[in-house]
């Protein structure tokens, strides 16, 4: 049945490799900001399809598409009106099918975002809930509670939402609904069997269209304990609870949901994959990444780490051990649609308060962009040498920096409004990509872009970098090609432990070394395959990573290939 549907849709079949995801390079596309095919200022599916050759030449194994579903964009598309449709501003189902076929034809797999914690307030279920009376079956799909006070005029608790403001919204009849994010994102009730069953239908809908995997948004928040009496906000944040017993986050019973999902994934050949966005303590990640669960979980530890050799080594050791415990592979990520781009983070002193820096318009402190890009390239080359899968965010291969000085009237992130202007939000990493060095949106589309691009995007444009062998784009292309050539078993051996240096060996004898210090260090023996920055002689400069292989290994590999 599954294969018949795929054939009817014209979906290309890639080689049936059950383990393709274990050491894959996955490129995240934020569809509204990748490429605009019709000049309306919003990126779309045909725009992505027009750049498949770019993705193929970059050398990625898969793309992850952030939400493209119908949405009022109260939260950049993470407020979903319909989980089994495409936003008309972004494309059609037919264009989605064409994109999948085109990507598969280029040897690139497809991962899509799934947003199970909440729908939008325009979803048919929520409209039904608002039209239904308190205590109704329609309201039971969501989390409604009677308010306090004689007429229910007070919120059920003093809980606050992630984007600021109260977490409860009144509906006018004494009932309030829970939204742990924006008011336009009512939380679903995952104790309701209809919710569970409908999401299984959604997973099959996209898997039948050729989708290879899913990125699960806030995977740790689905299961909740809302038994009375409800705790206060202070009690929620007090901590000290045993693992798996927090009222709203990372409850043990969430894994019952993902066992049901895994059964659906295993109906397909190869099985569909999933990766959890689970902001949980490191020791709690293996359950999300287990073989009877989602199969993989994001490791955000390097993303949050200072530029420090000891911190990087500790994080790598811990996460490789956690991967072994789960039977999965680790994931390595430095940037995504929710955080300040890592070229910018590394341009700032360790410990910089990024929220305060964004509120300053990106000038206090002044970023050292030369240092930031040097360190970003070094960090990326280090991560690409590690066993596990690497997740790249669109534009990092161009060396893009955070756009921290967007005008207030252009900001779209709900955090800006809900915080009353005390947090700038995430728009600065979502500014549309520059494809050409000129034009009203640097080749993003024929018109202007939905978020304004800074003039410096001209020198970062694909057109400006494509023919420059020293560019960041050329560096990424070569790094991904060499990674594929050198790929081996998921193991490493540490080299000599030296202050300010991270050094390890991979199967086949090749090595990776990164200098986090302020002075050059001696390079190990071997032929330099690739470096993140200029190397002169036998010294590794500061803020630089190099890959080395034993002399003669390349010829041996050529002989085997011949």
Protein backbone atom coordinates (compact mmCIF):
# COMPACT_ATOMS: atom_id res chain seq x y z
CA UNK A 1 0.00 0.00 0.00
CA UNK A 2 2.69 2.50 1.05
CA UNK A 3 4.89 1.82 -1.98
CA UNK A 4 1.84 2.01 -4.28
CA UNK A 5 0.95 5.49 -3.02
CA UNK A 6 4.55 6.66 -3.50
CA UNK A 7 4.59 5.25 -7.03
CA UNK A 8 1.30 6.96 -7.87
CA UNK A 9 2.75 10.27 -6.69
CA UNK A 10 5.84 9.82 -8.84
CA UNK A 11 8.16 9.84 -5.82
CA UNK A 12 11.68 8.68 -6.63
CA UNK A 13 13.09 5.83 -4.57
CA UNK A 14 16.51 6.35 -3.06
CA UNK A 15 18.72 3.45 -2.10
CA UNK A 16 17.04 1.63 0.78
CA UNK A 17 19.54 2.40 3.51
CA UNK A 18 17.99 1.98 6.96
CA UNK A 19 20.91 3.79 8.60
CA UNK A 20 21.26 6.74 6.19
CA UNK A 21 20.54 9.23 8.99
CA UNK A 22 23.24 8.05 11.41
CA UNK A 23 26.04 10.17 9.92
CA UNK A 24 24.07 12.35 7.54
CA UNK A 25 24.57 16.06 6.90
CA UNK A 26 21.12 17.64 7.14
CA UNK A 27 20.53 21.18 5.84
CA UNK A 28 17.71 23.14 7.46
CA UNK A 29 15.61 25.27 5.13
CA UNK A 30 13.36 27.97 6.56
CA UNK A 31 11.04 28.02 3.51
CA UNK A 32 9.85 31.62 3.80
CA UNK A 33 13.48 32.84 3.67
CA UNK A 34 15.24 30.52 1.22
CA UNK A 35 14.15 31.49 -2.31
CA UNK A 36 11.12 33.37 -3.66
CA UNK A 37 9.94 32.22 -7.09
CA UNK A 38 7.06 34.66 -7.66
CA UNK A 39 8.35 37.97 -6.28
CA UNK A 40 5.88 38.33 -3.42
CA UNK A 41 8.66 38.59 -0.84
CA UNK A 42 8.01 35.16 0.68
CA UNK A 43 10.07 32.07 -0.07
CA UNK A 44 8.21 29.11 -1.51
CA UNK A 45 8.46 25.49 -2.61
CA UNK A 46 9.18 26.28 -6.29
CA UNK A 47 11.97 28.55 -5.05
CA UNK A 48 13.50 25.65 -3.14
CA UNK A 49 13.11 23.39 -6.18
CA UNK A 50 14.96 25.93 -8.31
CA UNK A 51 18.00 25.60 -6.04
CA UNK A 52 18.23 21.82 -5.74
CA UNK A 53 21.41 21.85 -7.83
CA UNK A 54 22.90 24.26 -5.27
CA UNK A 55 22.05 21.82 -2.46
CA UNK A 56 23.46 18.91 -4.46
CA UNK A 57 26.70 20.77 -5.14
CA UNK A 58 26.94 21.73 -1.49
CA UNK A 59 26.97 18.02 -0.72
CA UNK A 60 24.20 17.59 1.86
CA UNK A 61 22.49 14.25 2.44
CA UNK A 62 19.07 15.60 3.43
CA UNK A 63 17.09 18.80 3.82
CA UNK A 64 14.86 19.60 6.76
CA UNK A 65 11.95 21.86 5.85
CA UNK A 66 10.65 24.09 8.62
CA UNK A 67 6.83 24.41 8.58
CA UNK A 68 5.22 25.12 5.21
CA UNK A 69 1.66 24.44 6.40
CA UNK A 70 -1.25 26.93 6.22
CA UNK A 71 -0.68 29.45 9.00
CA UNK A 72 -1.41 33.00 10.08
CA UNK A 73 2.34 33.21 10.88
CA UNK A 74 1.77 34.24 14.47
CA UNK A 75 4.94 32.21 15.16
CA UNK A 76 6.67 31.92 11.81
CA UNK A 77 4.55 28.95 10.69
CA UNK A 78 4.71 27.01 13.95
CA UNK A 79 1.05 27.94 14.43
CA UNK A 80 -0.42 25.29 12.11
CA UNK A 81 -3.94 25.59 10.64
CA UNK A 82 -3.88 22.27 8.77
CA UNK A 83 -1.22 19.58 9.18
CA UNK A 84 -2.01 17.92 5.85
CA UNK A 85 -1.83 20.89 3.48
CA UNK A 86 0.57 23.51 2.12
CA UNK A 87 0.21 27.24 2.73
CA UNK A 88 -0.99 28.72 -0.59
CA UNK A 89 1.62 31.48 -0.21
CA UNK A 90 4.32 28.81 -0.18
CA UNK A 91 2.98 26.35 -2.74
CA UNK A 92 0.64 23.43 -3.35
CA UNK A 93 0.65 19.74 -2.54
CA UNK A 94 1.54 19.05 -6.16
CA UNK A 95 4.54 21.37 -5.88
CA UNK A 96 5.53 19.63 -2.66
CA UNK A 97 5.43 16.27 -4.46
CA UNK A 98 7.52 17.70 -7.28
CA UNK A 99 10.05 19.04 -4.79
CA UNK A 100 10.38 15.66 -3.06
CA UNK A 101 10.87 13.93 -6.40
CA UNK A 102 13.47 16.50 -7.48
CA UNK A 103 15.39 16.23 -4.22
CA UNK A 104 15.29 12.45 -4.30
CA UNK A 105 16.49 12.53 -7.88
CA UNK A 106 19.49 14.56 -6.68
CA UNK A 107 20.21 11.99 -3.95
CA UNK A 108 18.86 14.21 -1.15
CA UNK A 109 16.35 12.97 1.42
CA UNK A 110 13.55 15.04 2.93
CA UNK A 111 12.74 15.72 6.58
CA UNK A 112 9.71 17.84 7.52
CA UNK A 113 8.81 19.65 10.70
CA UNK A 114 5.90 18.28 12.72
CA UNK A 115 4.39 20.50 15.44
CA UNK A 116 2.44 18.28 17.85
CA UNK A 117 2.26 20.34 21.05
CA UNK A 118 -0.20 22.89 19.71
CA UNK A 119 -2.29 23.83 16.69
CA UNK A 120 -3.11 27.34 15.56
CA UNK A 121 -6.22 29.06 16.83
CA UNK A 122 -7.55 28.85 13.25
CA UNK A 123 -7.43 25.03 13.16
CA UNK A 124 -10.85 23.47 12.52
CA UNK A 125 -10.68 21.68 15.87
CA UNK A 126 -10.12 24.90 17.80
CA UNK A 127 -12.91 26.68 15.97
CA UNK A 128 -15.17 23.79 16.95
CA UNK A 129 -13.95 24.04 20.55
CA UNK A 130 -14.80 27.74 20.75
CA UNK A 131 -18.27 27.08 19.34
CA UNK A 132 -18.90 24.23 21.80
CA UNK A 133 -19.89 24.58 25.48
CA UNK A 134 -17.60 23.99 28.47
CA UNK A 135 -17.00 20.32 29.14
CA UNK A 136 -17.71 19.34 25.55
CA UNK A 137 -15.92 16.69 23.53
CA UNK A 138 -14.61 19.37 21.17
CA UNK A 139 -12.93 21.23 24.04
CA UNK A 140 -11.38 18.03 25.36
CA UNK A 141 -9.02 17.96 22.37
CA UNK A 142 -7.37 21.00 23.94
CA UNK A 143 -6.63 22.01 27.52
CA UNK A 144 -9.51 24.09 28.87
CA UNK A 145 -9.99 24.93 32.53
CA UNK A 146 -12.56 26.92 34.45
CA UNK A 147 -11.19 30.25 35.59
CA UNK A 148 -11.07 31.47 39.16
CA UNK A 149 -13.49 33.93 40.71
CA UNK A 150 -17.30 33.84 40.77
CA UNK A 151 -17.65 34.09 36.97
CA UNK A 152 -14.39 32.40 35.99
CA UNK A 153 -12.90 35.80 35.33
CA UNK A 154 -9.46 34.98 36.75
CA UNK A 155 -6.93 32.67 35.02
CA UNK A 156 -6.73 29.14 36.45
CA UNK A 157 -3.07 29.71 37.48
CA UNK A 158 -0.39 32.39 37.25
CA UNK A 159 1.61 30.45 34.67
CA UNK A 160 3.61 32.41 32.09
CA UNK A 161 4.08 31.52 28.43
CA UNK A 162 7.43 30.99 26.70
CA UNK A 163 6.92 34.11 24.56
CA UNK A 164 5.93 36.25 27.55
CA UNK A 165 2.62 37.10 29.16
CA UNK A 166 0.10 34.73 30.75
CA UNK A 167 -0.21 31.12 29.56
CA UNK A 168 -4.03 31.11 29.81
CA UNK A 169 -6.47 32.89 27.50
CA UNK A 170 -10.16 33.46 28.30
CA UNK A 171 -12.88 32.51 25.78
CA UNK A 172 -15.70 34.52 27.34
CA UNK A 173 -17.75 31.84 29.09
CA UNK A 174 -15.63 31.30 32.18
CA UNK A 175 -13.31 28.79 30.47
CA UNK A 176 -9.66 29.50 29.68
CA UNK A 177 -7.36 27.58 27.33
CA UNK A 178 -3.68 26.82 27.86
CA UNK A 179 -1.07 28.12 25.43
CA UNK A 180 2.51 27.59 26.54
CA UNK A 181 3.67 29.67 23.58
CA UNK A 182 1.61 32.40 21.82
CA UNK A 183 -2.17 32.83 22.38
CA UNK A 184 -2.60 31.80 18.74
CA UNK A 185 -1.08 28.40 19.63
CA UNK A 186 -3.51 26.51 21.90
CA UNK A 187 -1.97 23.39 23.46
CA UNK A 188 -3.42 20.03 22.45
CA UNK A 189 -4.55 17.47 25.01
CA UNK A 190 -2.44 14.40 24.32
CA UNK A 191 -4.48 12.36 26.80
CA UNK A 192 -7.25 12.51 24.19
CA UNK A 193 -7.21 9.44 21.92
CA UNK A 194 -8.59 11.38 18.95
CA UNK A 195 -5.54 13.67 19.05
CA UNK A 196 -3.20 10.68 19.08
CA UNK A 197 -4.96 8.91 16.25
CA UNK A 198 -5.14 12.00 14.06
CA UNK A 199 -1.40 12.59 14.32
CA UNK A 200 -0.72 9.02 13.23
CA UNK A 201 -2.79 9.83 10.14
CA UNK A 202 -0.69 12.95 9.57
CA UNK A 203 2.57 11.01 9.83
CA UNK A 204 1.34 8.49 7.26
CA UNK A 205 0.09 11.29 4.99
CA UNK A 206 3.59 12.75 4.60
CA UNK A 207 5.44 9.43 4.68
CA UNK A 208 3.23 8.21 1.84
CA UNK A 209 4.30 11.28 -0.16
CA UNK A 210 7.94 10.23 0.14
CA UNK A 211 9.02 12.14 3.26
CA UNK A 212 11.99 10.32 4.80
CA UNK A 213 11.79 11.70 8.34
CA UNK A 214 10.38 14.20 10.79
CA UNK A 215 11.80 16.85 13.08
CA UNK A 216 9.54 16.91 16.14
CA UNK A 217 8.99 20.38 17.58
CA UNK A 218 9.19 20.69 21.41
CA UNK A 219 9.02 16.90 21.67
CA UNK A 220 9.35 17.01 25.46
CA UNK A 221 6.11 18.93 26.10
CA UNK A 222 3.27 16.75 24.81
CA UNK A 223 2.46 14.80 27.98
CA UNK A 224 1.18 16.94 30.87
CA UNK A 225 -0.20 16.32 34.34
CA UNK A 226 -3.04 18.79 34.86
CA UNK A 227 -4.65 17.10 37.83
CA UNK A 228 -5.97 19.37 40.56
CA UNK A 229 -4.74 21.28 42.42
CA UNK A 230 -2.62 22.97 39.77
CA UNK A 231 0.74 24.30 40.99
CA UNK A 232 1.76 27.95 40.91
CA UNK A 233 4.40 29.28 38.56
CA UNK A 234 6.85 29.39 41.45
CA UNK A 235 6.18 25.72 42.19
CA UNK A 236 6.63 24.83 38.50
CA UNK A 237 10.05 26.47 38.34
CA UNK A 238 11.27 25.48 41.80
CA UNK A 239 13.02 22.34 40.55
CA UNK A 240 14.10 19.41 42.67
CA UNK A 241 11.48 17.04 41.28
CA UNK A 242 12.40 13.46 40.35
CA UNK A 243 13.11 12.93 36.65
CA UNK A 244 10.00 12.50 34.54
CA UNK A 245 7.57 14.09 37.02
CA UNK A 246 7.47 17.77 36.05
CA UNK A 247 3.87 18.78 35.41
CA UNK A 248 4.49 20.13 31.88
CA UNK A 249 7.91 19.02 30.60
CA UNK A 250 9.70 15.75 29.88
CA UNK A 251 7.21 13.45 31.55
CA UNK A 252 7.95 9.73 31.27
CA UNK A 253 4.59 8.99 29.62
CA UNK A 254 5.52 11.09 26.56
CA UNK A 255 7.47 8.05 25.37
CA UNK A 256 4.24 6.05 25.10
CA UNK A 257 3.26 8.49 22.35
CA UNK A 258 6.52 8.03 20.50
CA UNK A 259 6.31 4.24 20.67
CA UNK A 260 3.07 4.58 18.68
CA UNK A 261 4.87 6.84 16.21
CA UNK A 262 7.73 4.36 15.87
CA UNK A 263 5.26 1.64 14.91
CA UNK A 264 4.08 3.87 12.05
CA UNK A 265 7.66 4.69 10.98
CA UNK A 266 8.46 0.97 10.84
CA UNK A 267 5.62 0.33 8.38
CA UNK A 268 7.88 1.83 5.71
CA UNK A 269 11.02 0.58 3.99
CA UNK A 270 13.40 1.99 4.90
CA UNK A 271 11.80 3.01 8.20
CA UNK A 272 11.03 6.70 8.49
CA UNK A 273 13.29 8.59 10.85
CA UNK A 274 12.68 11.30 13.43
CA UNK A 275 14.73 13.68 15.53
CA UNK A 276 13.43 15.21 18.75
CA UNK A 277 13.78 18.85 19.64
CA UNK A 278 13.85 18.05 23.35
CA UNK A 279 15.26 20.73 25.64
CA UNK A 280 15.94 18.32 28.50
CA UNK A 281 18.96 17.47 30.66
CA UNK A 282 21.53 15.51 28.68
CA UNK A 283 20.95 12.26 30.56
CA UNK A 284 17.27 12.37 29.58
CA UNK A 285 17.92 12.52 25.81
CA UNK A 286 18.60 8.80 25.22
CA UNK A 287 14.94 7.86 25.75
CA UNK A 288 13.85 10.21 22.95
CA UNK A 289 16.59 8.80 20.71
CA UNK A 290 15.90 5.14 21.46
CA UNK A 291 15.13 2.59 18.75
CA UNK A 292 11.55 2.20 20.01
CA UNK A 293 11.08 5.97 20.13
CA UNK A 294 11.95 8.76 17.73
CA UNK A 295 15.43 7.37 17.01
CA UNK A 296 17.47 10.55 17.40
CA UNK A 297 17.46 13.70 19.53
CA UNK A 298 19.10 17.06 19.08
CA UNK A 299 22.22 17.73 21.11
CA UNK A 300 22.32 21.51 21.61
CA UNK A 301 25.28 21.45 24.00
CA UNK A 302 27.89 22.75 21.56
CA UNK A 303 25.42 25.40 20.42
CA UNK A 304 25.35 26.72 23.99
CA UNK A 305 29.07 26.29 24.76
CA UNK A 306 31.67 29.02 25.02
CA UNK A 307 34.69 28.94 22.71
CA UNK A 308 36.73 26.72 25.02
CA UNK A 309 38.65 23.52 24.35
CA UNK A 310 37.84 21.85 27.67
CA UNK A 311 34.11 22.55 27.28
CA UNK A 312 34.07 21.18 23.72
CA UNK A 313 35.93 18.02 24.69
CA UNK A 314 33.68 17.36 27.70
CA UNK A 315 30.54 17.85 25.61
CA UNK A 316 31.80 15.55 22.85
CA UNK A 317 32.70 12.80 25.32
CA UNK A 318 29.36 13.04 27.13
CA UNK A 319 27.27 13.00 23.99
CA UNK A 320 29.09 10.11 22.37
CA UNK A 321 28.46 8.15 25.55
CA UNK A 322 24.77 9.15 25.50
CA UNK A 323 24.54 8.04 21.86
CA UNK A 324 25.95 4.65 22.81
CA UNK A 325 23.38 4.41 25.62
CA UNK A 326 20.49 5.08 23.24
CA UNK A 327 21.79 3.02 20.32
CA UNK A 328 21.40 6.13 18.15
CA UNK A 329 24.03 8.48 16.78
CA UNK A 330 24.68 11.90 18.21
CA UNK A 331 23.71 15.14 16.49
CA UNK A 332 25.89 18.24 16.21
CA UNK A 333 24.44 21.69 15.58
CA UNK A 334 25.60 25.28 16.00
CA UNK A 335 22.82 27.35 14.36
CA UNK A 336 19.13 27.07 13.58
CA UNK A 337 16.03 29.23 13.17
CA UNK A 338 15.74 29.88 16.93
CA UNK A 339 19.20 31.12 17.92
CA UNK A 340 21.75 33.82 17.12
CA UNK A 341 23.94 32.60 14.25
CA UNK A 342 27.17 31.05 15.44
CA UNK A 343 29.43 33.30 13.35
CA UNK A 344 28.02 36.14 15.44
CA UNK A 345 28.16 34.32 18.79
CA UNK A 346 31.86 33.61 18.24
CA UNK A 347 32.42 37.25 17.28
CA UNK A 348 31.44 38.25 20.83
CA UNK A 349 33.30 37.69 24.11
CA UNK A 350 32.53 34.43 25.91
CA UNK A 351 29.59 34.88 28.26
CA UNK A 352 27.95 37.74 26.35
CA UNK A 353 24.28 38.20 27.24
CA UNK A 354 22.82 37.71 23.76
CA UNK A 355 19.41 39.11 24.64
CA UNK A 356 20.97 42.34 25.88
CA UNK A 357 23.27 42.43 22.87
CA UNK A 358 20.30 42.13 20.49
CA UNK A 359 18.46 44.91 22.33
CA UNK A 360 21.52 47.12 21.76
CA UNK A 361 21.08 46.64 18.03
CA UNK A 362 24.18 44.49 17.91
CA UNK A 363 26.64 47.19 18.97
CA UNK A 364 27.26 46.58 22.69
CA UNK A 365 29.71 44.93 22.64
CA UNK A 366 30.94 45.44 19.10
CA UNK A 367 31.38 42.05 17.39
CA UNK A 368 34.75 41.07 15.97
CA UNK A 369 33.41 39.62 12.72
CA UNK A 370 36.77 38.42 11.46
CA UNK A 371 37.24 36.40 14.65
CA UNK A 372 33.62 35.21 14.53
CA UNK A 373 33.86 33.78 11.04
CA UNK A 374 37.26 32.20 11.73
CA UNK A 375 35.90 30.44 14.82
CA UNK A 376 32.63 29.48 13.13
CA UNK A 377 34.49 27.75 10.32
CA UNK A 378 36.78 26.02 12.82
CA UNK A 379 33.82 24.83 14.91
CA UNK A 380 31.98 23.54 11.85
CA UNK A 381 35.00 21.61 10.59
CA UNK A 382 35.45 20.07 14.04
CA UNK A 383 31.79 18.99 14.18
CA UNK A 384 31.89 17.54 10.67
CA UNK A 385 34.77 15.31 11.79
CA UNK A 386 32.76 13.83 14.66
CA UNK A 387 30.81 10.56 14.47
CA UNK A 388 27.11 11.26 14.17
CA UNK A 389 24.97 13.55 12.05
CA UNK A 390 25.55 17.25 11.46
CA UNK A 391 22.70 19.75 11.11
CA UNK A 392 23.45 22.90 9.14
CA UNK A 393 21.26 26.00 9.00
CA UNK A 394 20.68 27.79 5.72
CA UNK A 395 23.15 30.60 5.17
CA UNK A 396 25.86 29.42 7.52
CA UNK A 397 27.69 28.09 4.46
CA UNK A 398 27.78 31.71 3.28
CA UNK A 399 29.22 32.96 6.56
CA UNK A 400 26.09 34.97 7.32
CA UNK A 401 25.96 36.94 10.55
CA UNK A 402 22.94 37.74 12.71
CA UNK A 403 21.06 40.80 11.48
CA UNK A 404 20.74 42.48 14.86
CA UNK A 405 19.60 45.94 13.77
CA UNK A 406 16.31 45.16 12.04
CA UNK A 407 13.91 48.10 12.44
CA UNK A 408 11.23 47.55 15.07
CA UNK A 409 8.44 47.85 12.50
CA UNK A 410 9.91 44.91 10.53
CA UNK A 411 10.03 42.47 13.45
CA UNK A 412 7.70 39.48 13.17
CA UNK A 413 8.64 37.23 16.10
CA UNK A 414 5.87 37.06 18.74
CA UNK A 415 8.54 37.38 21.42
CA UNK A 416 9.01 41.05 20.49
CA UNK A 417 5.34 41.89 21.06
CA UNK A 418 4.63 39.56 23.98
CA UNK A 419 7.68 40.83 25.88
CA UNK A 420 6.66 44.47 25.37
CA UNK A 421 9.86 45.13 23.49
CA UNK A 422 12.22 43.71 26.11
CA UNK A 423 13.34 40.85 23.82
CA UNK A 424 14.14 41.27 20.12
CA UNK A 425 13.28 37.70 19.19
CA UNK A 426 14.61 35.46 16.42
CA UNK A 427 14.06 37.44 13.23
CA UNK A 428 17.75 38.26 12.87
CA UNK A 429 18.63 34.68 11.92
CA UNK A 430 15.62 34.35 9.58
CA UNK A 431 16.50 37.12 7.13
CA UNK A 432 16.22 35.81 3.53
CA UNK A 433 19.32 34.45 1.81
CA UNK A 434 21.36 36.49 -0.70
CA UNK A 435 21.83 34.68 -4.01
CA UNK A 436 23.21 37.56 -6.10
CA UNK A 437 25.33 40.59 -5.25
CA UNK A 438 22.68 43.05 -6.45
CA UNK A 439 18.96 43.41 -6.89
CA UNK A 440 16.14 44.50 -4.55
CA UNK A 441 16.54 41.34 -2.44
CA UNK A 442 19.98 40.11 -3.56
CA UNK A 443 18.41 37.48 -5.82
CA UNK A 444 16.07 36.07 -3.18
CA UNK A 445 13.21 37.16 -5.44
CA UNK A 446 12.26 39.75 -7.99
CA UNK A 447 10.94 42.13 -5.33
CA UNK A 448 11.84 43.02 -1.78
CA UNK A 449 12.08 40.38 0.94
CA UNK A 450 9.70 39.94 3.87
CA UNK A 451 12.56 40.89 6.23
CA UNK A 452 15.05 43.58 5.13
CA UNK A 453 18.56 42.43 4.24
CA UNK A 454 21.64 44.50 5.16
CA UNK A 455 23.98 45.87 2.46
CA UNK A 456 26.78 43.51 3.62
CA UNK A 457 24.76 40.59 2.21
CA UNK A 458 26.12 41.56 -1.22
CA UNK A 459 29.60 40.21 -0.40
CA UNK A 460 28.13 37.07 1.20
CA UNK A 461 25.93 36.23 -1.80
CA UNK A 462 26.23 32.85 -3.49
CA UNK A 463 27.14 34.64 -6.73
CA UNK A 464 30.03 36.43 -5.00
CA UNK A 465 31.41 33.26 -3.39
CA UNK A 466 30.80 30.52 -5.96
CA UNK A 467 33.99 31.12 -7.97
CA UNK A 468 36.23 32.08 -5.03
CA UNK A 469 38.22 29.06 -3.76
CA UNK A 470 38.88 30.87 -0.47
CA UNK A 471 35.21 31.62 0.24
CA UNK A 472 33.20 30.13 3.07
CA UNK A 473 30.90 28.47 0.51
CA UNK A 474 33.88 26.78 -1.18
CA UNK A 475 35.12 25.71 2.25
CA UNK A 476 31.77 24.05 3.10
CA UNK A 477 31.61 22.30 -0.27
CA UNK A 478 35.07 20.86 0.14
CA UNK A 479 34.49 19.92 3.80
CA UNK A 480 31.34 17.95 2.96
CA UNK A 481 33.05 16.21 0.05
CA UNK A 482 36.06 15.22 2.16
CA UNK A 483 33.77 14.11 5.00
CA UNK A 484 32.00 11.74 2.67
CA UNK A 485 35.31 10.37 1.38
CA UNK A 486 36.72 9.83 4.87
CA UNK A 487 33.54 8.57 6.55
CA UNK A 488 34.04 5.46 8.67
CA UNK A 489 32.70 3.74 11.75
CA UNK A 490 31.09 5.81 14.49
CA UNK A 491 34.08 5.94 16.80
CA UNK A 492 37.03 8.15 17.67
CA UNK A 493 40.21 7.99 19.69
CA UNK A 494 41.51 11.03 21.52
CA UNK A 495 44.93 12.38 20.68
CA UNK A 496 47.33 13.99 23.12
CA UNK A 497 45.46 16.16 25.58
CA UNK A 498 46.90 19.65 25.50
CA UNK A 499 45.53 22.92 26.89
CA UNK A 500 43.49 24.87 24.32
CA UNK A 501 43.52 21.95 21.85
CA UNK A 502 40.92 19.34 20.84
CA UNK A 503 42.57 16.49 18.92
CA UNK A 504 41.13 13.13 17.91
CA UNK A 505 41.57 10.33 15.37
CA UNK A 506 38.87 8.68 13.27
CA UNK A 507 38.83 5.17 11.72
CA UNK A 508 41.18 4.99 8.76
CA UNK A 509 43.85 6.97 10.54
CA UNK A 510 42.78 10.50 9.75
CA UNK A 511 42.76 13.14 12.46
CA UNK A 512 41.09 16.41 13.42
CA UNK A 513 42.78 19.08 15.52
CA UNK A 514 41.39 22.44 16.66
CA UNK A 515 43.37 25.25 18.29
CA UNK A 516 41.15 27.23 20.71
CA UNK A 517 44.10 29.18 22.10
CA UNK A 518 45.76 32.49 21.32
CA UNK A 519 49.08 31.14 20.01
CA UNK A 520 49.97 28.61 17.29
CA UNK A 521 50.45 24.94 18.22
CA UNK A 522 52.44 22.23 16.38
CA UNK A 523 50.50 20.22 13.81
CA UNK A 524 50.53 16.42 14.17
CA UNK A 525 52.25 14.42 11.45
CA UNK A 526 50.35 13.75 8.25
CA UNK A 527 49.09 15.44 5.13
CA UNK A 528 46.71 18.37 5.69
CA UNK A 529 43.49 17.47 3.90
CA UNK A 530 41.63 20.65 4.74
CA UNK A 531 41.87 23.57 7.15
CA UNK A 532 39.28 26.10 8.25
CA UNK A 533 41.75 28.95 7.76
CA UNK A 534 45.22 29.65 6.34
CA UNK A 535 48.07 27.44 7.57
CA UNK A 536 51.69 28.41 7.10
CA UNK A 537 54.26 25.70 7.75
CA UNK A 538 53.86 23.12 10.50
CA UNK A 539 51.97 25.29 13.00
CA UNK A 540 48.19 25.44 13.51
CA UNK A 541 47.15 29.07 14.01
CA UNK A 542 44.66 30.14 16.71
CA UNK A 543 40.93 29.60 16.04
CA UNK A 544 41.64 27.05 13.33
CA UNK A 545 40.79 23.40 12.67
CA UNK A 546 42.70 21.06 10.37
CA UNK A 547 42.05 17.54 9.11
CA UNK A 548 45.10 15.38 8.45
CA UNK A 549 45.55 11.91 7.04
CA UNK A 550 48.61 9.64 6.95
CA UNK A 551 50.89 10.19 3.99
CA UNK A 552 49.95 7.77 1.21
CA UNK A 553 46.37 7.15 2.41
CA UNK A 554 44.85 9.03 -0.50
CA UNK A 555 46.82 6.92 -3.00
CA UNK A 556 45.78 3.73 -1.21
CA UNK A 557 42.12 4.75 -1.44
CA UNK A 558 42.53 5.57 -5.13
CA UNK A 559 44.09 2.15 -5.73
CA UNK A 560 41.19 0.42 -3.98
CA UNK A 561 38.68 2.43 -6.00
CA UNK A 562 40.46 1.62 -9.24
